[in-house]
N, C-alpha and C. Protein backbone atom coordinates (compact mmCIF):
# COMPACT_ATOMS: atom_id res chain seq x y z
N ALA A 1 30.12 -41.23 24.36
CA ALA A 1 28.76 -41.37 23.83
C ALA A 1 27.96 -40.11 24.08
N GLY A 2 28.14 -39.52 25.32
CA GLY A 2 27.43 -38.28 25.64
C GLY A 2 27.83 -37.15 24.74
N ARG A 3 29.16 -37.08 24.45
CA ARG A 3 29.61 -36.00 23.55
C ARG A 3 29.06 -36.20 22.15
N ALA A 4 28.98 -37.46 21.72
CA ALA A 4 28.44 -37.75 20.38
C ALA A 4 26.98 -37.35 20.29
N MET A 5 26.22 -37.67 21.35
CA MET A 5 24.80 -37.30 21.35
C MET A 5 24.62 -35.79 21.36
N ALA A 6 25.47 -35.11 22.16
CA ALA A 6 25.38 -33.65 22.20
C ALA A 6 25.71 -33.06 20.84
N GLY A 7 26.77 -33.63 20.22
CA GLY A 7 27.14 -33.13 18.89
C GLY A 7 26.03 -33.36 17.89
N GLY A 8 25.37 -34.53 18.00
CA GLY A 8 24.25 -34.80 17.09
C GLY A 8 23.11 -33.84 17.29
N GLY A 9 22.84 -33.51 18.58
CA GLY A 9 21.76 -32.56 18.87
C GLY A 9 22.05 -31.20 18.30
N ARG A 10 23.32 -30.77 18.45
CA ARG A 10 23.68 -29.46 17.88
C ARG A 10 23.57 -29.48 16.37
N GLY A 11 23.97 -30.61 15.77
CA GLY A 11 23.88 -30.71 14.31
C GLY A 11 22.43 -30.64 13.83
N ALA A 12 21.53 -31.31 14.55
CA ALA A 12 20.11 -31.29 14.18
C ALA A 12 19.53 -29.88 14.32
N ALA A 13 19.92 -29.22 15.42
CA ALA A 13 19.43 -27.86 15.63
C ALA A 13 19.92 -26.93 14.54
N LEU A 14 21.22 -27.12 14.15
CA LEU A 14 21.77 -26.29 13.09
C LEU A 14 21.06 -26.54 11.77
N GLY A 15 20.76 -27.83 11.54
CA GLY A 15 20.05 -28.17 10.31
C GLY A 15 18.68 -27.53 10.26
N LEU A 16 17.96 -27.55 11.38
CA LEU A 16 16.64 -26.92 11.44
C LEU A 16 16.74 -25.41 11.22
N ALA A 17 17.78 -24.80 11.80
CA ALA A 17 17.95 -23.36 11.64
C ALA A 17 18.22 -23.00 10.19
N VAL A 18 19.06 -23.82 9.53
CA VAL A 18 19.36 -23.58 8.12
C VAL A 18 18.11 -23.73 7.26
N ALA A 19 17.33 -24.80 7.55
CA ALA A 19 16.09 -25.02 6.79
C ALA A 19 15.12 -23.87 6.98
N ALA A 20 14.99 -23.38 8.21
CA ALA A 20 14.10 -22.25 8.47
C ALA A 20 14.56 -21.01 7.72
N ALA A 21 15.88 -20.78 7.70
CA ALA A 21 16.42 -19.62 6.98
C ALA A 21 16.13 -19.73 5.50
N VAL A 22 16.25 -20.94 4.95
CA VAL A 22 15.97 -21.15 3.53
C VAL A 22 14.52 -20.82 3.22
N VAL A 23 13.60 -21.29 4.10
CA VAL A 23 12.17 -21.01 3.90
C VAL A 23 11.89 -19.52 3.95
N VAL A 24 12.49 -18.81 4.91
CA VAL A 24 12.28 -17.37 5.04
C VAL A 24 12.79 -16.65 3.79
N LEU A 25 13.97 -17.04 3.31
CA LEU A 25 14.53 -16.39 2.12
C LEU A 25 13.68 -16.68 0.89
N ALA A 26 13.19 -17.92 0.78
CA ALA A 26 12.35 -18.27 -0.36
C ALA A 26 11.05 -17.47 -0.34
N LEU A 27 10.46 -17.33 0.87
CA LEU A 27 9.23 -16.55 0.98
C LEU A 27 9.47 -15.09 0.63
N ALA A 28 10.58 -14.54 1.09
CA ALA A 28 10.90 -13.15 0.78
C ALA A 28 11.10 -12.97 -0.73
N ALA A 29 11.75 -13.93 -1.36
CA ALA A 29 11.96 -13.85 -2.81
C ALA A 29 10.63 -13.93 -3.55
N TRP A 30 9.71 -14.80 -3.06
CA TRP A 30 8.40 -14.91 -3.70
C TRP A 30 7.63 -13.61 -3.59
N ARG A 31 7.71 -12.99 -2.41
CA ARG A 31 7.01 -11.72 -2.22
C ARG A 31 7.57 -10.64 -3.13
N ARG A 32 8.88 -10.66 -3.35
CA ARG A 32 9.48 -9.67 -4.25
C ARG A 32 9.04 -9.90 -5.69
N ARG A 33 8.90 -11.18 -6.05
CA ARG A 33 8.50 -11.50 -7.43
C ARG A 33 7.02 -11.28 -7.67
N ARG A 34 6.21 -11.41 -6.60
CA ARG A 34 4.76 -11.29 -6.75
C ARG A 34 4.38 -9.91 -7.24
N ARG A 35 3.68 -9.88 -8.34
CA ARG A 35 3.28 -8.60 -8.89
C ARG A 35 2.08 -8.05 -8.13
N PRO A 36 2.08 -6.77 -7.81
CA PRO A 36 0.92 -6.19 -7.13
C PRO A 36 -0.31 -6.25 -8.03
N VAL A 37 -1.45 -6.28 -7.40
CA VAL A 37 -2.71 -6.38 -8.13
C VAL A 37 -2.93 -5.13 -8.98
N ARG A 38 -3.25 -5.34 -10.23
CA ARG A 38 -3.65 -4.28 -11.15
C ARG A 38 -4.75 -4.85 -12.03
N GLU A 39 -5.96 -4.37 -11.86
CA GLU A 39 -7.07 -4.92 -12.64
C GLU A 39 -8.10 -3.84 -12.91
N VAL A 40 -8.65 -3.89 -14.12
CA VAL A 40 -9.74 -2.99 -14.50
C VAL A 40 -10.94 -3.84 -14.89
N LEU A 41 -12.08 -3.53 -14.31
CA LEU A 41 -13.32 -4.24 -14.62
C LEU A 41 -14.29 -3.28 -15.30
N PHE A 42 -14.95 -3.77 -16.32
CA PHE A 42 -15.94 -2.96 -17.01
C PHE A 42 -17.31 -3.60 -16.89
N PHE A 43 -18.30 -2.76 -16.78
CA PHE A 43 -19.69 -3.17 -16.67
C PHE A 43 -20.46 -2.49 -17.81
N PRO A 44 -21.63 -3.05 -18.22
CA PRO A 44 -22.43 -4.04 -17.50
C PRO A 44 -21.81 -5.44 -17.54
N SER A 45 -22.09 -6.17 -16.47
CA SER A 45 -21.69 -7.56 -16.37
C SER A 45 -22.90 -8.41 -16.72
N PRO A 46 -22.76 -9.34 -17.66
CA PRO A 46 -23.94 -10.14 -18.06
C PRO A 46 -24.48 -10.93 -16.88
N PRO A 47 -25.79 -11.13 -16.82
CA PRO A 47 -26.35 -11.94 -15.74
C PRO A 47 -25.66 -13.30 -15.68
N SER A 48 -25.21 -13.69 -14.49
CA SER A 48 -24.52 -14.97 -14.33
C SER A 48 -24.76 -15.48 -12.92
N CYS A 49 -24.62 -16.78 -12.74
CA CYS A 49 -24.83 -17.40 -11.44
C CYS A 49 -23.56 -17.30 -10.61
N THR A 50 -23.66 -16.68 -9.47
CA THR A 50 -22.51 -16.56 -8.56
C THR A 50 -22.70 -17.43 -7.31
N GLU A 51 -23.73 -18.27 -7.32
CA GLU A 51 -24.06 -19.08 -6.15
C GLU A 51 -22.91 -20.01 -5.77
N GLU A 52 -22.30 -20.65 -6.76
CA GLU A 52 -21.21 -21.58 -6.47
C GLU A 52 -20.04 -20.86 -5.80
N LEU A 53 -19.71 -19.68 -6.31
CA LEU A 53 -18.62 -18.89 -5.74
C LEU A 53 -18.92 -18.51 -4.29
N LEU A 54 -20.12 -18.03 -4.02
CA LEU A 54 -20.48 -17.62 -2.66
C LEU A 54 -20.62 -18.81 -1.72
N ALA A 55 -21.18 -19.92 -2.22
CA ALA A 55 -21.33 -21.11 -1.38
C ALA A 55 -19.97 -21.67 -1.00
N GLU A 56 -19.04 -21.64 -1.93
CA GLU A 56 -17.68 -22.12 -1.64
C GLU A 56 -17.01 -21.24 -0.59
N ALA A 57 -17.24 -19.94 -0.66
CA ALA A 57 -16.66 -19.02 0.32
C ALA A 57 -17.28 -19.23 1.70
N GLU A 58 -18.55 -19.57 1.74
CA GLU A 58 -19.24 -19.78 3.01
C GLU A 58 -18.84 -21.10 3.67
N SER A 59 -18.55 -22.11 2.86
CA SER A 59 -18.17 -23.43 3.39
C SER A 59 -16.94 -23.94 2.65
N PRO A 60 -15.76 -23.40 2.96
CA PRO A 60 -14.54 -23.80 2.24
C PRO A 60 -14.29 -25.29 2.37
N GLY A 61 -13.90 -25.89 1.26
CA GLY A 61 -13.57 -27.32 1.26
C GLY A 61 -14.75 -28.23 1.06
N GLU A 62 -15.97 -27.68 1.14
CA GLU A 62 -17.17 -28.51 0.93
C GLU A 62 -17.67 -28.32 -0.49
N ALA A 63 -18.10 -29.41 -1.08
CA ALA A 63 -18.61 -29.35 -2.45
C ALA A 63 -19.97 -28.66 -2.45
N ALA A 64 -20.09 -27.64 -3.29
CA ALA A 64 -21.36 -26.91 -3.37
C ALA A 64 -22.35 -27.72 -4.19
N GLY A 65 -23.59 -27.75 -3.74
CA GLY A 65 -24.63 -28.46 -4.46
C GLY A 65 -24.97 -27.74 -5.75
N PRO A 66 -25.59 -28.43 -6.69
CA PRO A 66 -25.94 -27.80 -7.96
C PRO A 66 -26.97 -26.69 -7.76
N CYS A 67 -26.75 -25.58 -8.42
CA CYS A 67 -27.69 -24.46 -8.33
C CYS A 67 -28.77 -24.63 -9.39
N PRO A 68 -30.04 -24.53 -8.99
CA PRO A 68 -31.12 -24.75 -9.97
C PRO A 68 -31.38 -23.57 -10.89
N CYS A 69 -30.74 -22.41 -10.64
CA CYS A 69 -31.07 -21.24 -11.46
C CYS A 69 -30.57 -21.43 -12.89
N PRO A 70 -31.26 -20.84 -13.87
CA PRO A 70 -30.89 -21.04 -15.28
C PRO A 70 -29.77 -20.13 -15.77
N LEU A 71 -29.24 -19.28 -14.91
CA LEU A 71 -28.21 -18.34 -15.37
C LEU A 71 -26.92 -19.06 -15.73
N PRO A 72 -26.21 -18.55 -16.71
CA PRO A 72 -24.95 -19.20 -17.10
C PRO A 72 -23.88 -19.06 -16.03
N ARG A 73 -22.95 -20.01 -16.00
CA ARG A 73 -21.79 -19.95 -15.12
C ARG A 73 -20.62 -19.38 -15.90
N GLY A 74 -19.62 -18.94 -15.19
CA GLY A 74 -18.43 -18.45 -15.87
C GLY A 74 -17.93 -17.15 -15.27
N ASP A 75 -16.72 -16.80 -15.65
CA ASP A 75 -16.08 -15.60 -15.13
C ASP A 75 -16.71 -14.36 -15.75
N CYS A 76 -16.91 -13.33 -14.94
CA CYS A 76 -17.46 -12.07 -15.41
C CYS A 76 -16.99 -10.98 -14.46
N SER A 77 -17.30 -9.74 -14.78
CA SER A 77 -16.85 -8.63 -13.94
C SER A 77 -17.39 -8.72 -12.52
N LEU A 78 -18.65 -9.15 -12.37
CA LEU A 78 -19.22 -9.28 -11.03
C LEU A 78 -18.50 -10.36 -10.23
N SER A 79 -18.25 -11.51 -10.84
CA SER A 79 -17.58 -12.58 -10.10
C SER A 79 -16.16 -12.18 -9.73
N ARG A 80 -15.50 -11.43 -10.58
CA ARG A 80 -14.14 -10.99 -10.27
C ARG A 80 -14.15 -9.97 -9.13
N LEU A 81 -15.15 -9.10 -9.13
CA LEU A 81 -15.29 -8.15 -8.02
C LEU A 81 -15.56 -8.89 -6.72
N LEU A 82 -16.41 -9.90 -6.77
CA LEU A 82 -16.71 -10.70 -5.58
C LEU A 82 -15.45 -11.37 -5.04
N ARG A 83 -14.63 -11.91 -5.93
CA ARG A 83 -13.40 -12.57 -5.48
C ARG A 83 -12.45 -11.59 -4.80
N ARG A 84 -12.37 -10.37 -5.34
CA ARG A 84 -11.52 -9.37 -4.70
C ARG A 84 -12.02 -9.06 -3.30
N LEU A 85 -13.33 -8.93 -3.13
CA LEU A 85 -13.89 -8.66 -1.81
C LEU A 85 -13.63 -9.83 -0.86
N LEU A 86 -13.88 -11.04 -1.34
CA LEU A 86 -13.77 -12.22 -0.49
C LEU A 86 -12.34 -12.55 -0.13
N SER A 87 -11.38 -11.87 -0.74
CA SER A 87 -9.97 -12.08 -0.37
C SER A 87 -9.62 -11.41 0.95
N ALA A 88 -10.52 -10.58 1.48
CA ALA A 88 -10.24 -9.87 2.74
C ALA A 88 -10.03 -10.86 3.88
N ARG A 89 -9.01 -10.60 4.68
CA ARG A 89 -8.70 -11.45 5.83
C ARG A 89 -8.75 -10.68 7.15
N ARG A 90 -8.53 -9.39 7.09
CA ARG A 90 -8.47 -8.60 8.33
C ARG A 90 -9.50 -7.48 8.37
N SER A 91 -9.62 -6.72 7.29
CA SER A 91 -10.48 -5.53 7.35
C SER A 91 -11.07 -5.23 5.98
N LEU A 92 -12.23 -4.57 6.02
CA LEU A 92 -12.88 -4.10 4.81
C LEU A 92 -13.56 -2.78 5.12
N GLU A 93 -13.14 -1.72 4.43
CA GLU A 93 -13.79 -0.42 4.54
C GLU A 93 -14.59 -0.19 3.26
N LEU A 94 -15.87 0.17 3.42
CA LEU A 94 -16.74 0.45 2.28
C LEU A 94 -17.26 1.86 2.39
N CYS A 95 -17.14 2.61 1.31
CA CYS A 95 -17.65 3.98 1.26
C CYS A 95 -18.49 4.05 -0.01
N LEU A 96 -19.82 3.90 0.13
CA LEU A 96 -20.68 3.66 -1.03
C LEU A 96 -21.92 4.56 -1.00
N PHE A 97 -22.20 5.14 -2.14
CA PHE A 97 -23.40 5.96 -2.28
C PHE A 97 -24.66 5.09 -2.24
N ALA A 98 -24.69 4.02 -3.01
CA ALA A 98 -25.86 3.13 -3.06
C ALA A 98 -25.38 1.69 -3.03
N PHE A 99 -26.08 0.86 -2.24
CA PHE A 99 -25.65 -0.53 -2.07
C PHE A 99 -26.90 -1.40 -2.00
N SER A 100 -27.24 -2.04 -3.13
CA SER A 100 -28.42 -2.90 -3.13
C SER A 100 -28.17 -4.25 -3.80
N SER A 101 -26.95 -4.52 -4.23
CA SER A 101 -26.66 -5.81 -4.86
C SER A 101 -26.72 -6.92 -3.82
N PRO A 102 -27.63 -7.91 -3.97
CA PRO A 102 -27.71 -8.97 -2.96
C PRO A 102 -26.45 -9.84 -2.92
N GLN A 103 -25.80 -10.03 -4.08
CA GLN A 103 -24.58 -10.86 -4.09
C GLN A 103 -23.46 -10.17 -3.32
N LEU A 104 -23.26 -8.89 -3.56
CA LEU A 104 -22.21 -8.16 -2.85
C LEU A 104 -22.56 -8.02 -1.37
N GLY A 105 -23.83 -7.82 -1.06
CA GLY A 105 -24.25 -7.75 0.34
C GLY A 105 -23.99 -9.06 1.06
N ARG A 106 -24.28 -10.16 0.40
CA ARG A 106 -24.03 -11.48 1.00
C ARG A 106 -22.55 -11.69 1.27
N ALA A 107 -21.71 -11.27 0.32
CA ALA A 107 -20.26 -11.40 0.49
C ALA A 107 -19.76 -10.59 1.68
N VAL A 108 -20.28 -9.39 1.85
CA VAL A 108 -19.85 -8.53 2.97
C VAL A 108 -20.28 -9.15 4.30
N ARG A 109 -21.49 -9.67 4.38
CA ARG A 109 -21.95 -10.31 5.62
C ARG A 109 -21.12 -11.56 5.92
N LEU A 110 -20.73 -12.28 4.88
CA LEU A 110 -19.90 -13.47 5.06
C LEU A 110 -18.55 -13.08 5.67
N LEU A 111 -17.95 -12.01 5.16
CA LEU A 111 -16.67 -11.55 5.71
C LEU A 111 -16.81 -11.19 7.18
N HIS A 112 -17.91 -10.52 7.51
CA HIS A 112 -18.15 -10.17 8.92
C HIS A 112 -18.22 -11.42 9.79
N ARG A 113 -18.92 -12.45 9.32
CA ARG A 113 -19.02 -13.69 10.09
C ARG A 113 -17.66 -14.37 10.24
N ARG A 114 -16.79 -14.18 9.27
CA ARG A 114 -15.45 -14.75 9.34
C ARG A 114 -14.57 -14.05 10.38
N GLY A 115 -14.99 -12.88 10.82
CA GLY A 115 -14.18 -12.12 11.77
C GLY A 115 -13.46 -10.95 11.15
N VAL A 116 -13.72 -10.68 9.88
CA VAL A 116 -13.14 -9.50 9.23
C VAL A 116 -13.82 -8.26 9.79
N ARG A 117 -13.04 -7.24 10.14
CA ARG A 117 -13.63 -5.99 10.62
C ARG A 117 -14.18 -5.22 9.43
N VAL A 118 -15.49 -5.06 9.40
CA VAL A 118 -16.16 -4.37 8.29
C VAL A 118 -16.75 -3.07 8.80
N ARG A 119 -16.45 -1.98 8.11
CA ARG A 119 -17.05 -0.68 8.42
C ARG A 119 -17.63 -0.11 7.12
N VAL A 120 -18.81 0.48 7.23
CA VAL A 120 -19.51 0.99 6.06
C VAL A 120 -19.90 2.44 6.26
N VAL A 121 -19.61 3.26 5.26
CA VAL A 121 -20.10 4.64 5.21
C VAL A 121 -21.01 4.73 3.99
N THR A 122 -22.19 5.33 4.17
CA THR A 122 -23.13 5.40 3.06
C THR A 122 -23.90 6.71 3.09
N ASP A 123 -24.77 6.88 2.10
CA ASP A 123 -25.56 8.10 1.98
C ASP A 123 -26.91 7.92 2.69
N ALA A 124 -27.27 8.90 3.50
CA ALA A 124 -28.49 8.79 4.32
C ALA A 124 -29.75 8.67 3.46
N GLN A 125 -29.80 9.39 2.34
CA GLN A 125 -31.00 9.38 1.52
C GLN A 125 -31.19 8.09 0.75
N TYR A 126 -30.09 7.44 0.40
CA TYR A 126 -30.19 6.24 -0.43
C TYR A 126 -30.16 4.95 0.37
N MET A 127 -29.77 5.00 1.64
CA MET A 127 -29.65 3.74 2.39
C MET A 127 -31.01 3.15 2.73
N GLY A 128 -32.06 3.97 2.70
CA GLY A 128 -33.38 3.47 3.05
C GLY A 128 -34.24 3.10 1.86
N LEU A 129 -33.70 3.18 0.64
CA LEU A 129 -34.49 2.85 -0.53
C LEU A 129 -34.78 1.35 -0.58
N ARG A 130 -35.84 1.00 -1.27
CA ARG A 130 -36.22 -0.41 -1.39
C ARG A 130 -35.08 -1.23 -2.01
N GLY A 131 -34.77 -2.35 -1.40
CA GLY A 131 -33.71 -3.21 -1.90
C GLY A 131 -32.34 -2.92 -1.32
N SER A 132 -32.21 -1.83 -0.56
CA SER A 132 -30.91 -1.49 0.02
C SER A 132 -30.43 -2.60 0.95
N GLN A 133 -29.13 -2.87 0.90
CA GLN A 133 -28.53 -3.89 1.75
C GLN A 133 -28.15 -3.35 3.14
N ILE A 134 -28.24 -2.06 3.33
CA ILE A 134 -27.74 -1.45 4.56
C ILE A 134 -28.44 -2.00 5.81
N GLY A 135 -29.76 -2.16 5.74
CA GLY A 135 -30.48 -2.70 6.89
C GLY A 135 -30.01 -4.11 7.24
N LEU A 136 -29.76 -4.94 6.23
CA LEU A 136 -29.29 -6.31 6.47
C LEU A 136 -27.89 -6.30 7.07
N LEU A 137 -27.06 -5.37 6.62
CA LEU A 137 -25.71 -5.27 7.19
C LEU A 137 -25.79 -4.90 8.67
N ARG A 138 -26.65 -3.96 8.99
CA ARG A 138 -26.80 -3.55 10.39
C ARG A 138 -27.35 -4.69 11.25
N LEU A 139 -28.33 -5.41 10.71
CA LEU A 139 -28.88 -6.55 11.45
C LEU A 139 -27.82 -7.61 11.72
N ALA A 140 -26.86 -7.72 10.81
CA ALA A 140 -25.77 -8.69 10.98
C ALA A 140 -24.74 -8.22 12.00
N GLY A 141 -24.86 -6.97 12.46
CA GLY A 141 -23.91 -6.45 13.45
C GLY A 141 -22.77 -5.65 12.86
N ILE A 142 -22.89 -5.30 11.59
CA ILE A 142 -21.84 -4.53 10.92
C ILE A 142 -22.03 -3.04 11.22
N GLN A 143 -20.92 -2.36 11.51
CA GLN A 143 -20.97 -0.92 11.80
C GLN A 143 -21.27 -0.13 10.53
N VAL A 144 -22.28 0.73 10.60
CA VAL A 144 -22.65 1.59 9.46
C VAL A 144 -22.79 3.01 9.95
N ARG A 145 -22.21 3.94 9.23
CA ARG A 145 -22.40 5.36 9.50
C ARG A 145 -22.83 6.06 8.23
N HIS A 146 -23.61 7.15 8.41
CA HIS A 146 -24.11 7.87 7.24
C HIS A 146 -23.98 9.37 7.46
N ASP A 147 -24.15 10.10 6.38
CA ASP A 147 -23.99 11.55 6.43
C ASP A 147 -25.19 12.21 7.09
N GLN A 148 -25.00 13.48 7.40
CA GLN A 148 -26.09 14.32 7.89
C GLN A 148 -25.95 15.67 7.19
N GLU A 149 -25.98 15.61 5.87
CA GLU A 149 -25.70 16.79 5.07
C GLU A 149 -26.75 16.93 3.98
N ASN A 150 -26.75 18.08 3.33
CA ASN A 150 -27.66 18.29 2.20
C ASN A 150 -27.15 17.60 0.94
N GLY A 151 -25.85 17.58 0.74
CA GLY A 151 -25.28 16.93 -0.44
C GLY A 151 -25.21 15.43 -0.26
N PHE A 152 -24.91 14.73 -1.35
CA PHE A 152 -24.80 13.28 -1.30
C PHE A 152 -23.43 12.84 -0.79
N MET A 153 -23.40 11.71 -0.09
CA MET A 153 -22.15 11.00 0.18
C MET A 153 -21.94 10.12 -1.06
N HIS A 154 -21.25 10.67 -2.04
CA HIS A 154 -21.26 10.09 -3.39
C HIS A 154 -20.05 9.21 -3.70
N HIS A 155 -19.18 8.97 -2.71
CA HIS A 155 -18.02 8.10 -2.95
C HIS A 155 -18.47 6.69 -3.31
N LYS A 156 -17.58 5.99 -4.06
CA LYS A 156 -17.79 4.58 -4.38
C LYS A 156 -16.44 3.89 -4.33
N PHE A 157 -16.02 3.50 -3.13
CA PHE A 157 -14.75 2.79 -3.05
C PHE A 157 -14.75 1.82 -1.88
N ALA A 158 -13.84 0.85 -1.97
CA ALA A 158 -13.63 -0.13 -0.91
C ALA A 158 -12.13 -0.32 -0.73
N ILE A 159 -11.74 -0.66 0.49
CA ILE A 159 -10.34 -0.93 0.79
C ILE A 159 -10.26 -2.28 1.50
N VAL A 160 -9.53 -3.21 0.89
CA VAL A 160 -9.41 -4.57 1.40
C VAL A 160 -8.09 -4.72 2.15
N ASP A 161 -8.17 -5.07 3.43
CA ASP A 161 -6.99 -5.32 4.26
C ASP A 161 -6.00 -4.16 4.29
N GLY A 162 -6.50 -2.95 4.06
CA GLY A 162 -5.66 -1.77 4.12
C GLY A 162 -4.62 -1.68 3.02
N ARG A 163 -4.74 -2.53 1.99
CA ARG A 163 -3.70 -2.52 0.95
C ARG A 163 -4.23 -2.59 -0.47
N THR A 164 -5.49 -2.94 -0.66
CA THR A 164 -6.05 -3.05 -2.01
C THR A 164 -7.23 -2.09 -2.14
N LEU A 165 -7.16 -1.22 -3.14
CA LEU A 165 -8.20 -0.24 -3.39
C LEU A 165 -9.10 -0.73 -4.51
N ILE A 166 -10.41 -0.61 -4.31
CA ILE A 166 -11.42 -0.90 -5.34
C ILE A 166 -12.24 0.36 -5.51
N THR A 167 -12.17 0.98 -6.67
CA THR A 167 -12.89 2.25 -6.85
C THR A 167 -13.26 2.44 -8.31
N GLY A 168 -14.21 3.30 -8.57
CA GLY A 168 -14.64 3.58 -9.93
C GLY A 168 -16.02 4.21 -9.93
N SER A 169 -16.66 4.17 -11.08
CA SER A 169 -17.97 4.82 -11.22
C SER A 169 -19.11 3.96 -10.71
N LEU A 170 -18.87 2.68 -10.47
CA LEU A 170 -19.94 1.72 -10.19
C LEU A 170 -20.60 1.92 -8.84
N ASN A 171 -21.91 2.13 -8.84
CA ASN A 171 -22.70 1.95 -7.62
C ASN A 171 -22.94 0.46 -7.44
N TRP A 172 -22.95 0.01 -6.19
CA TRP A 172 -23.09 -1.42 -5.93
C TRP A 172 -24.57 -1.82 -5.94
N THR A 173 -25.18 -1.63 -7.10
CA THR A 173 -26.59 -1.95 -7.28
C THR A 173 -26.73 -2.92 -8.46
N THR A 174 -27.79 -3.72 -8.42
CA THR A 174 -28.02 -4.68 -9.51
C THR A 174 -28.22 -3.95 -10.82
N ASP A 175 -28.92 -2.83 -10.80
CA ASP A 175 -29.18 -2.08 -12.02
C ASP A 175 -27.87 -1.59 -12.64
N ALA A 176 -26.99 -1.04 -11.83
CA ALA A 176 -25.71 -0.55 -12.35
C ALA A 176 -24.86 -1.70 -12.86
N ILE A 177 -24.84 -2.82 -12.13
CA ILE A 177 -24.01 -3.96 -12.51
C ILE A 177 -24.47 -4.56 -13.83
N GLN A 178 -25.77 -4.65 -14.03
CA GLN A 178 -26.29 -5.36 -15.20
C GLN A 178 -26.62 -4.45 -16.39
N ASN A 179 -26.81 -3.16 -16.15
CA ASN A 179 -27.30 -2.31 -17.23
C ASN A 179 -26.42 -1.12 -17.60
N ASN A 180 -25.61 -0.65 -16.66
CA ASN A 180 -24.89 0.61 -16.91
C ASN A 180 -23.49 0.38 -17.46
N ARG A 181 -23.02 1.38 -18.21
CA ARG A 181 -21.61 1.42 -18.61
C ARG A 181 -20.83 1.99 -17.43
N GLU A 182 -20.08 1.14 -16.77
CA GLU A 182 -19.37 1.52 -15.55
C GLU A 182 -17.95 0.96 -15.58
N ASN A 183 -17.13 1.47 -14.68
CA ASN A 183 -15.76 0.97 -14.57
C ASN A 183 -15.38 0.82 -13.11
N VAL A 184 -14.48 -0.13 -12.85
CA VAL A 184 -13.92 -0.35 -11.52
C VAL A 184 -12.42 -0.61 -11.67
N LEU A 185 -11.64 0.09 -10.89
CA LEU A 185 -10.19 -0.11 -10.86
C LEU A 185 -9.82 -0.79 -9.55
N VAL A 186 -9.03 -1.86 -9.65
CA VAL A 186 -8.52 -2.55 -8.47
C VAL A 186 -7.00 -2.37 -8.47
N ALA A 187 -6.47 -1.79 -7.41
CA ALA A 187 -5.04 -1.48 -7.37
C ALA A 187 -4.46 -1.76 -5.99
N GLU A 188 -3.36 -2.49 -5.99
CA GLU A 188 -2.63 -2.75 -4.75
C GLU A 188 -1.39 -1.85 -4.77
N ASP A 189 -1.60 -0.62 -4.35
CA ASP A 189 -0.54 0.39 -4.45
C ASP A 189 -0.70 1.34 -3.27
N ALA A 190 0.30 1.35 -2.39
CA ALA A 190 0.20 2.14 -1.16
C ALA A 190 -0.01 3.62 -1.44
N GLU A 191 0.57 4.13 -2.54
CA GLU A 191 0.44 5.55 -2.84
C GLU A 191 -1.00 5.94 -3.14
N TYR A 192 -1.78 4.99 -3.67
CA TYR A 192 -3.19 5.27 -3.94
C TYR A 192 -4.07 4.87 -2.76
N VAL A 193 -3.71 3.78 -2.09
CA VAL A 193 -4.54 3.31 -0.98
C VAL A 193 -4.56 4.30 0.17
N LYS A 194 -3.41 4.85 0.52
CA LYS A 194 -3.33 5.70 1.71
C LYS A 194 -4.28 6.90 1.67
N PRO A 195 -4.32 7.69 0.58
CA PRO A 195 -5.26 8.83 0.62
C PRO A 195 -6.72 8.41 0.72
N PHE A 196 -7.07 7.27 0.12
CA PHE A 196 -8.45 6.79 0.24
C PHE A 196 -8.72 6.33 1.67
N LEU A 197 -7.76 5.66 2.28
CA LEU A 197 -7.94 5.22 3.66
C LEU A 197 -8.01 6.42 4.60
N ASP A 198 -7.20 7.43 4.34
CA ASP A 198 -7.26 8.66 5.15
C ASP A 198 -8.63 9.33 5.00
N GLU A 199 -9.14 9.36 3.77
CA GLU A 199 -10.46 9.96 3.53
C GLU A 199 -11.54 9.17 4.25
N PHE A 200 -11.44 7.85 4.21
CA PHE A 200 -12.43 7.04 4.91
C PHE A 200 -12.41 7.34 6.41
N GLU A 201 -11.22 7.36 6.99
CA GLU A 201 -11.13 7.60 8.44
C GLU A 201 -11.66 8.98 8.80
N ARG A 202 -11.39 9.97 7.96
CA ARG A 202 -11.88 11.33 8.21
C ARG A 202 -13.41 11.35 8.20
N ILE A 203 -14.00 10.71 7.19
CA ILE A 203 -15.46 10.69 7.09
C ILE A 203 -16.06 9.85 8.23
N TRP A 204 -15.40 8.74 8.54
CA TRP A 204 -15.89 7.87 9.61
C TRP A 204 -16.02 8.64 10.92
N GLU A 205 -15.02 9.45 11.22
CA GLU A 205 -15.08 10.24 12.45
C GLU A 205 -16.10 11.37 12.34
N GLU A 206 -16.17 11.98 11.17
CA GLU A 206 -17.14 13.07 10.98
C GLU A 206 -18.57 12.57 11.12
N TYR A 207 -18.83 11.34 10.68
CA TYR A 207 -20.18 10.78 10.73
C TYR A 207 -20.43 9.99 12.02
N ASN A 208 -19.59 10.16 13.00
CA ASN A 208 -19.84 9.54 14.29
C ASN A 208 -21.18 10.03 14.84
N PRO A 209 -22.09 9.13 15.20
CA PRO A 209 -23.42 9.56 15.66
C PRO A 209 -23.39 10.53 16.83
N THR A 210 -22.34 10.50 17.63
CA THR A 210 -22.27 11.43 18.76
C THR A 210 -22.12 12.88 18.28
N ASN A 211 -21.74 13.04 16.99
CA ASN A 211 -21.59 14.40 16.45
C ASN A 211 -22.86 14.91 15.78
N TYR A 212 -23.88 14.08 15.67
CA TYR A 212 -25.10 14.50 14.97
C TYR A 212 -25.80 15.62 15.75
N ARG A 213 -26.38 16.51 14.99
CA ARG A 213 -27.15 17.60 15.60
C ARG A 213 -28.54 17.59 15.01
N PHE A 214 -29.53 17.55 15.85
CA PHE A 214 -30.92 17.51 15.39
C PHE A 214 -31.63 18.79 15.84
N PHE A 215 -32.37 19.37 14.92
CA PHE A 215 -33.04 20.64 15.21
C PHE A 215 -34.54 20.44 15.16
């Protein structure tokens, strides 16, 4: 009886090992089949209500209440950009000349509250303009660094989880989103992500406040 029980235990363990191996192989096959992100967004994006999208991200699994605003619902370039941002699970690097979109600012603060490491590089002259989200980001505890140069910090890119690049002509402002002819490229490609991430790290260190010189 003891030998039978031992044999049964070994058989169960072997079965579990085989099942685990099958799951690992299936996951690996899915990852191989999964196509990397390739998306192009064009602006202007028509005015639309993004409250449901943001409320769902803030309280996953809870039904969002009806939004009283009269704006239409539906997919648009802004909502797609928001979804790409909200997909961050570990890190978000932002390198932006101007940042005043309240929807994008809310999404970034939400990621910070989730525990995503958020770092922001921006332009010193534009971060203090009326409507800028930079002050709200800092109040939320998000790290922000800015230039100390005569020229503009004119980059406009974001890196999600170190693997997805979001870049293009778009300034993250309501005016640019709703009125300007702009483009945004979203690419999950290590060959493109790495140089942008290297550039971000270089600027991040260069704009370290301990390096500032005041005359």
